[in-house]
Amino acid sequence: MEFRDLDILEKAKQKKDFAKKIGLRIKEVRKANGFTQEKLAEAAGYDSAYIGHIETGRYSPSVYTVWRMSKAMKVDLSVMLEDL
């Protein structure tokens, strides 16, 4: 597949699908490391509602945001992106 060949609707769908996948991964890692949304939000410097929106795929986090969450949970960034 060549990304340049995707139309705007296909790109939007891919972005939405990715947001859901990364959100689920963040939730999985968070729970595996004993963090609540509130605890992660506090440790990473975000609002807990924002964490919730990311985990449900409503928001697509930047790499910087994922990095901050991984550092807050003391896991490598690669864990957050593994198999996506």
N, C-alpha and C. Protein backbone atom coordinates (compact mmCIF):
# COMPACT_ATOMS: atom_id res chain seq x y z
N MET A 1 0.84 -1.17 0.00
CA MET A 1 0.00 0.00 0.00
C MET A 1 0.89 1.24 0.00
N GLU A 2 0.52 2.20 -0.80
CA GLU A 2 1.22 3.48 -0.85
C GLU A 2 0.31 4.53 -0.22
N PHE A 3 0.81 5.17 0.80
CA PHE A 3 -0.01 6.15 1.51
C PHE A 3 -0.43 7.30 0.62
N ARG A 4 0.38 7.65 -0.34
CA ARG A 4 0.03 8.78 -1.21
C ARG A 4 -1.18 8.45 -2.08
N ASP A 5 -1.52 7.18 -2.22
CA ASP A 5 -2.65 6.77 -3.05
C ASP A 5 -3.98 6.75 -2.28
N LEU A 6 -3.93 6.99 -0.97
CA LEU A 6 -5.15 6.97 -0.17
C LEU A 6 -5.94 8.25 -0.36
N ASP A 7 -7.24 8.12 -0.43
CA ASP A 7 -8.05 9.34 -0.52
C ASP A 7 -8.29 9.88 0.90
N ILE A 8 -8.88 11.02 1.00
CA ILE A 8 -9.05 11.71 2.28
C ILE A 8 -9.89 10.90 3.27
N LEU A 9 -10.89 10.19 2.79
CA LEU A 9 -11.73 9.37 3.69
C LEU A 9 -10.95 8.17 4.22
N GLU A 10 -10.13 7.56 3.37
CA GLU A 10 -9.32 6.43 3.83
C GLU A 10 -8.29 6.88 4.85
N LYS A 11 -7.69 8.05 4.64
CA LYS A 11 -6.72 8.59 5.60
C LYS A 11 -7.39 8.88 6.93
N ALA A 12 -8.57 9.44 6.89
CA ALA A 12 -9.31 9.75 8.12
C ALA A 12 -9.65 8.47 8.87
N LYS A 13 -10.05 7.43 8.14
CA LYS A 13 -10.36 6.15 8.78
C LYS A 13 -9.12 5.54 9.41
N GLN A 14 -8.00 5.60 8.71
CA GLN A 14 -6.75 5.06 9.27
C GLN A 14 -6.37 5.80 10.55
N LYS A 15 -6.51 7.12 10.54
CA LYS A 15 -6.16 7.90 11.72
C LYS A 15 -7.06 7.54 12.89
N LYS A 16 -8.35 7.38 12.62
CA LYS A 16 -9.31 7.01 13.67
C LYS A 16 -8.99 5.61 14.21
N ASP A 17 -8.70 4.67 13.32
CA ASP A 17 -8.35 3.31 13.74
C ASP A 17 -7.08 3.31 14.59
N PHE A 18 -6.09 4.11 14.17
CA PHE A 18 -4.84 4.18 14.93
C PHE A 18 -5.09 4.78 16.31
N ALA A 19 -5.90 5.83 16.39
CA ALA A 19 -6.21 6.45 17.67
C ALA A 19 -6.83 5.44 18.63
N LYS A 20 -7.71 4.58 18.11
CA LYS A 20 -8.32 3.55 18.95
C LYS A 20 -7.29 2.53 19.42
N LYS A 21 -6.40 2.12 18.50
CA LYS A 21 -5.38 1.13 18.85
C LYS A 21 -4.40 1.67 19.89
N ILE A 22 -3.91 2.88 19.67
CA ILE A 22 -2.96 3.43 20.64
C ILE A 22 -3.64 3.69 21.97
N GLY A 23 -4.90 4.09 21.94
CA GLY A 23 -5.64 4.30 23.18
C GLY A 23 -5.79 3.02 23.97
N LEU A 24 -6.12 1.94 23.28
CA LEU A 24 -6.24 0.65 23.96
C LEU A 24 -4.90 0.19 24.52
N ARG A 25 -3.83 0.43 23.77
CA ARG A 25 -2.50 0.05 24.26
C ARG A 25 -2.14 0.84 25.51
N ILE A 26 -2.39 2.12 25.50
CA ILE A 26 -2.09 2.95 26.66
C ILE A 26 -2.88 2.46 27.88
N LYS A 27 -4.13 2.15 27.67
CA LYS A 27 -4.97 1.64 28.76
C LYS A 27 -4.41 0.32 29.29
N GLU A 28 -4.03 -0.56 28.39
CA GLU A 28 -3.47 -1.86 28.76
C GLU A 28 -2.19 -1.70 29.57
N VAL A 29 -1.29 -0.86 29.10
CA VAL A 29 -0.02 -0.62 29.80
C VAL A 29 -0.28 0.05 31.14
N ARG A 30 -1.18 1.01 31.16
CA ARG A 30 -1.51 1.71 32.40
C ARG A 30 -2.00 0.74 33.47
N LYS A 31 -2.94 -0.11 33.09
CA LYS A 31 -3.49 -1.07 34.06
C LYS A 31 -2.44 -2.09 34.50
N ALA A 32 -1.62 -2.56 33.55
CA ALA A 32 -0.58 -3.53 33.87
C ALA A 32 0.45 -2.96 34.84
N ASN A 33 0.58 -1.66 34.87
CA ASN A 33 1.55 -1.01 35.74
C ASN A 33 0.92 -0.39 36.98
N GLY A 34 -0.34 -0.72 37.23
CA GLY A 34 -1.01 -0.31 38.46
C GLY A 34 -1.40 1.16 38.54
N PHE A 35 -1.60 1.78 37.38
CA PHE A 35 -2.00 3.18 37.35
C PHE A 35 -3.49 3.32 37.08
N THR A 36 -4.12 4.24 37.78
CA THR A 36 -5.47 4.66 37.41
C THR A 36 -5.30 5.79 36.39
N GLN A 37 -6.37 6.18 35.74
CA GLN A 37 -6.29 7.32 34.83
C GLN A 37 -5.85 8.57 35.60
N GLU A 38 -6.36 8.72 36.79
CA GLU A 38 -6.03 9.88 37.60
C GLU A 38 -4.55 9.90 37.99
N LYS A 39 -4.03 8.74 38.38
CA LYS A 39 -2.62 8.65 38.77
C LYS A 39 -1.71 8.91 37.58
N LEU A 40 -2.06 8.37 36.42
CA LEU A 40 -1.27 8.61 35.22
C LEU A 40 -1.33 10.07 34.82
N ALA A 41 -2.52 10.65 34.88
CA ALA A 41 -2.68 12.05 34.52
C ALA A 41 -1.81 12.94 35.41
N GLU A 42 -1.83 12.68 36.69
CA GLU A 42 -1.03 13.47 37.61
C GLU A 42 0.47 13.30 37.34
N ALA A 43 0.89 12.06 37.14
CA ALA A 43 2.32 11.78 36.93
C ALA A 43 2.83 12.35 35.61
N ALA A 44 1.98 12.37 34.59
CA ALA A 44 2.40 12.84 33.26
C ALA A 44 2.09 14.32 33.05
N GLY A 45 1.32 14.92 33.96
CA GLY A 45 1.01 16.33 33.85
C GLY A 45 -0.16 16.65 32.93
N TYR A 46 -1.13 15.75 32.88
CA TYR A 46 -2.31 15.96 32.05
C TYR A 46 -3.57 15.86 32.92
N ASP A 47 -4.69 16.25 32.36
CA ASP A 47 -5.98 16.11 33.02
C ASP A 47 -6.47 14.67 32.82
N SER A 48 -7.12 14.12 33.81
CA SER A 48 -7.58 12.72 33.71
C SER A 48 -8.62 12.56 32.60
N ALA A 49 -9.40 13.59 32.32
CA ALA A 49 -10.37 13.51 31.22
C ALA A 49 -9.65 13.36 29.88
N TYR A 50 -8.51 14.03 29.74
CA TYR A 50 -7.72 13.91 28.52
C TYR A 50 -7.21 12.48 28.34
N ILE A 51 -6.74 11.88 29.42
CA ILE A 51 -6.29 10.48 29.37
C ILE A 51 -7.45 9.59 28.94
N GLY A 52 -8.62 9.83 29.50
CA GLY A 52 -9.81 9.06 29.14
C GLY A 52 -10.16 9.19 27.66
N HIS A 53 -10.06 10.40 27.14
CA HIS A 53 -10.36 10.61 25.71
C HIS A 53 -9.34 9.91 24.82
N ILE A 54 -8.10 9.89 25.24
CA ILE A 54 -7.07 9.17 24.47
C ILE A 54 -7.36 7.68 24.50
N GLU A 55 -7.65 7.15 25.67
CA GLU A 55 -7.88 5.71 25.79
C GLU A 55 -9.10 5.23 25.01
N THR A 56 -10.08 6.08 24.81
CA THR A 56 -11.26 5.67 24.05
C THR A 56 -11.10 5.94 22.55
N GLY A 57 -9.97 6.55 22.17
CA GLY A 57 -9.74 6.83 20.76
C GLY A 57 -10.38 8.11 20.28
N ARG A 58 -10.94 8.87 21.19
CA ARG A 58 -11.56 10.15 20.82
C ARG A 58 -10.50 11.16 20.39
N TYR A 59 -9.35 11.14 21.10
CA TYR A 59 -8.22 11.99 20.76
C TYR A 59 -7.05 11.12 20.32
N SER A 60 -6.29 11.61 19.39
CA SER A 60 -5.09 10.92 18.93
C SER A 60 -3.87 11.64 19.52
N PRO A 61 -3.16 10.99 20.43
CA PRO A 61 -2.06 11.69 21.11
C PRO A 61 -0.85 11.87 20.21
N SER A 62 -0.09 12.92 20.47
CA SER A 62 1.18 13.11 19.77
C SER A 62 2.20 12.12 20.33
N VAL A 63 3.28 11.95 19.62
CA VAL A 63 4.36 11.09 20.10
C VAL A 63 4.89 11.64 21.43
N TYR A 64 4.96 12.96 21.53
CA TYR A 64 5.43 13.58 22.77
C TYR A 64 4.53 13.20 23.95
N THR A 65 3.23 13.22 23.74
CA THR A 65 2.28 12.85 24.80
C THR A 65 2.46 11.39 25.20
N VAL A 66 2.60 10.51 24.22
CA VAL A 66 2.81 9.08 24.52
C VAL A 66 4.13 8.89 25.26
N TRP A 67 5.15 9.64 24.85
CA TRP A 67 6.45 9.58 25.52
C TRP A 67 6.32 10.00 26.98
N ARG A 68 5.61 11.10 27.22
CA ARG A 68 5.43 11.57 28.61
C ARG A 68 4.70 10.53 29.45
N MET A 69 3.68 9.91 28.88
CA MET A 69 2.95 8.88 29.64
C MET A 69 3.85 7.68 29.91
N SER A 70 4.66 7.29 28.92
CA SER A 70 5.55 6.14 29.13
C SER A 70 6.58 6.45 30.21
N LYS A 71 7.12 7.67 30.20
CA LYS A 71 8.08 8.06 31.24
C LYS A 71 7.42 8.08 32.62
N ALA A 72 6.20 8.56 32.69
CA ALA A 72 5.48 8.61 33.96
C ALA A 72 5.27 7.21 34.53
N MET A 73 5.06 6.24 33.64
CA MET A 73 4.84 4.86 34.09
C MET A 73 6.12 4.05 34.16
N LYS A 74 7.25 4.70 33.77
CA LYS A 74 8.56 4.05 33.78
C LYS A 74 8.61 2.82 32.86
N VAL A 75 8.04 2.98 31.66
CA VAL A 75 8.13 1.95 30.62
C VAL A 75 8.75 2.57 29.38
N ASP A 76 9.39 1.76 28.59
CA ASP A 76 10.01 2.25 27.38
C ASP A 76 8.94 2.64 26.36
N LEU A 77 9.20 3.67 25.61
CA LEU A 77 8.26 4.14 24.59
C LEU A 77 7.91 3.03 23.61
N SER A 78 8.87 2.16 23.33
CA SER A 78 8.62 1.07 22.37
C SER A 78 7.50 0.15 22.83
N VAL A 79 7.31 0.02 24.14
CA VAL A 79 6.22 -0.81 24.68
C VAL A 79 4.88 -0.23 24.26
N MET A 80 4.79 1.08 24.25
CA MET A 80 3.53 1.74 23.89
C MET A 80 3.19 1.56 22.41
N LEU A 81 4.22 1.42 21.59
CA LEU A 81 3.99 1.37 20.13
C LEU A 81 4.10 -0.04 19.55
N GLU A 82 4.44 -1.00 20.38
CA GLU A 82 4.65 -2.37 19.95
C GLU A 82 3.43 -2.97 19.25
N ASP A 83 3.65 -3.52 18.08
CA ASP A 83 2.63 -4.24 17.29
C ASP A 83 1.44 -3.39 16.87
N LEU A 84 1.63 -2.10 16.75
CA LEU A 84 0.53 -1.26 16.26
C LEU A 84 0.65 -1.16 14.76
